[in-house]
C-alpha atoms as a PDB file:
ATOM      1  CA  MET A   1      12.078  -5.295  -3.388  1.00  0.00           C
ATOM      2  CA  VAL A   2       8.904  -4.261  -5.195  1.00  0.00           C
ATOM      3  CA  THR A   3       8.277  -7.874  -6.215  1.00  0.00           C
ATOM      4  CA  PHE A   4       8.732  -9.077  -2.635  1.00  0.00           C
ATOM      5  CA  CYS A   5       6.284  -6.437  -1.364  1.00  0.00           C
ATOM      6  CA  TYR A   6       3.768  -7.401  -4.047  1.00  0.00           C
ATOM      7  CA  LEU A   7       3.960 -11.088  -3.132  1.00  0.00           C
ATOM      8  CA  ALA A   8       3.779 -10.301   0.584  1.00  0.00           C
ATOM      9  CA  ILE A   9       0.677  -8.144   0.148  1.00  0.00           C
ATOM     10  CA  PHE A  10      -0.973 -10.751  -2.071  1.00  0.00           C
ATOM     11  CA  GLY A  11      -0.228 -13.509   0.440  1.00  0.00           C
ATOM     12  CA  LEU A  12      -1.442 -11.485   3.406  1.00  0.00           C
ATOM     13  CA  MET A  13      -4.659 -10.560   1.589  1.00  0.00           C
ATOM     14  CA  ALA A  14      -5.278 -14.231   0.772  1.00  0.00           C
ATOM     15  CA  ILE A  15      -4.808 -15.089   4.461  1.00  0.00           C
ATOM     16  CA  LEU A  16      -7.167 -12.275   5.467  1.00  0.00           C
ATOM     17  CA  VAL A  17      -9.882 -13.530   3.103  1.00  0.00           C
ATOM     18  CA  THR A  18      -9.347 -17.038   4.445  1.00  0.00           C
ATOM     19  CA  LEU A  19      -9.773 -15.803   8.023  1.00  0.00           C
ATOM     20  CA  PHE A  20     -12.996 -14.013   7.084  1.00  0.00           C
ATOM     21  CA  ASP A  21     -14.308 -17.198   5.445  1.00  0.00           C
ATOM     22  CA  MET A  22     -13.374 -19.178   8.538  1.00  0.00           C
ATOM     23  CA  ASN A  23     -15.458 -16.887  10.741  1.00  0.00           C
ATOM     24  CA  ILE A  24     -18.413 -16.461   8.393  1.00  0.00           C
ATOM     25  CA  PHE A  25     -18.854 -20.038   7.132  1.00  0.00           C
ATOM     26  CA  ASN A  26     -17.333 -21.940  10.089  1.00  0.00           C
ATOM     27  CA  PHE A  27     -14.692 -23.596   7.897  1.00  0.00           C
ATOM     28  CA  THR A  28     -11.310 -24.824   9.022  1.00  0.00           C
ATOM     29  CA  PHE A  29      -8.306 -22.879   7.725  1.00  0.00           C
ATOM     30  CA  TRP A  30      -7.553 -25.376   4.949  1.00  0.00           C
ATOM     31  CA  GLU A  31     -11.214 -25.635   3.872  1.00  0.00           C
ATOM     32  CA  ALA A  32     -11.483 -21.852   3.685  1.00  0.00           C
ATOM     33  CA  LEU A  33      -8.235 -21.563   1.720  1.00  0.00           C
ATOM     34  CA  LYS A  34      -9.358 -24.276  -0.707  1.00  0.00           C
ATOM     35  CA  SER A  35     -12.734 -22.577  -1.058  1.00  0.00           C
ATOM     36  CA  THR A  36     -11.069 -19.239  -1.764  1.00  0.00           C
ATOM     37  CA  LEU A  37      -8.651 -20.575  -4.365  1.00  0.00           C
ATOM     38  CA  PHE A  38     -10.654 -23.253  -6.132  1.00  0.00           C
ATOM     39  CA  SER A  39     -14.358 -22.468  -5.813  1.00  0.00           C
ATOM     40  CA  GLU A  40     -14.461 -19.755  -8.453  1.00  0.00           C
ATOM     41  CA  VAL A  41     -15.953 -20.619 -11.793  1.00  0.00           C
ATOM     42  CA  ALA A  42     -13.717 -20.148 -14.843  1.00  0.00           C
ATOM     43  CA  THR A  43     -14.418 -16.419 -15.235  1.00  0.00           C
ATOM     44  CA  GLY A  44     -13.546 -15.540 -11.647  1.00  0.00           C
ATOM     45  CA  ARG A  45     -10.439 -17.680 -11.740  1.00  0.00           C
ATOM     46  CA  MET A  46      -9.257 -16.080 -14.999  1.00  0.00           C
ATOM     47  CA  ILE A  47      -9.800 -12.577 -13.590  1.00  0.00           C
ATOM     48  CA  LEU A  48      -7.772 -13.526 -10.511  1.00  0.00           C
ATOM     49  CA  LEU A  49      -4.936 -15.131 -12.494  1.00  0.00           C
ATOM     50  CA  VAL A  50      -4.681 -12.275 -14.991  1.00  0.00           C
ATOM     51  CA  THR A  51      -4.637  -9.697 -12.194  1.00  0.00           C
ATOM     52  CA  VAL A  52      -1.941 -11.579 -10.286  1.00  0.00           C
ATOM     53  CA  GLY A  53       0.082 -12.086 -13.464  1.00  0.00           C
ATOM     54  CA  VAL A  54      -0.065  -8.441 -14.518  1.00  0.00           C
ATOM     55  CA  GLY A  55       0.867  -7.280 -11.017  1.00  0.00           C
ATOM     56  CA  LEU A  56       3.778  -9.703 -10.801  1.00  0.00           C
ATOM     57  CA  VAL A  57       5.133  -8.753 -14.224  1.00  0.00           C
ATOM     58  CA  SER A  58       4.823  -5.023 -13.543  1.00  0.00           C
ATOM     59  CA  SER A  59       6.596  -5.351 -10.184  1.00  0.00           C
ATOM     60  CA  MET A  60       9.408  -7.349 -11.800  1.00  0.00           C
ATOM     61  CA  ILE A  61       9.798  -4.681 -14.491  1.00  0.00           C
ATOM     62  CA  THR A  62       9.925  -1.991 -11.804  1.00  0.00           C
ATOM     63  CA  ASP A  63      12.596  -3.935  -9.895  1.00  0.00           C
ATOM     64  CA  PHE A  64      14.636  -4.358 -13.080  1.00  0.00           C
ATOM     65  CA  ARG A  65      14.446  -0.635 -13.848  1.00  0.00           C
ATOM     66  CA  ILE A  66      15.522   0.268 -10.302  1.00  0.00           C
ATOM     67  CA  LEU A  67      18.453  -2.149 -10.522  1.00  0.00           C
ATOM     68  CA  LYS A  68      19.457  -0.763 -13.936  1.00  0.00           C
ATOM     69  CA  SER A  69      19.253   2.800 -12.608  1.00  0.00           C
ATOM     70  CA  LYS A  70      21.429   1.938  -9.588  1.00  0.00           C
ATOM     71  CA  LYS A  71      24.065   0.310 -11.795  1.00  0.00           C
ATOM     72  CA  LYS A  72      24.092   3.300 -14.135  1.00  0.00           C
ATOM     73  CA  SER A  73      24.466   5.812 -11.280  1.00  0.00           C
ATOM     74  CA  ALA A  74      27.188   3.707  -9.624  1.00  0.00           C
ATOM     75  CA  SER A  75      29.266   3.580 -12.809  1.00  0.00           C
ATOM     76  CA  THR A  76      29.221   7.374 -13.387  1.00  0.00           C
END
């Protein structure tokens, strides 16, 4: 559930940034999304990918620990 919430928040924030770019720069939705995802130079893209990766891994670990805890409490 934590992983789903993380992905949902990330997706909704990407859509929000795209909507802001649409209004500010008069782009279409697809142009603004492409600009948001692919216009960053290597440093910005690496910061974004590392942040997304760390967040995804940490949410998966949290989900695994919750599942393990539920199984342990159900068996006792």
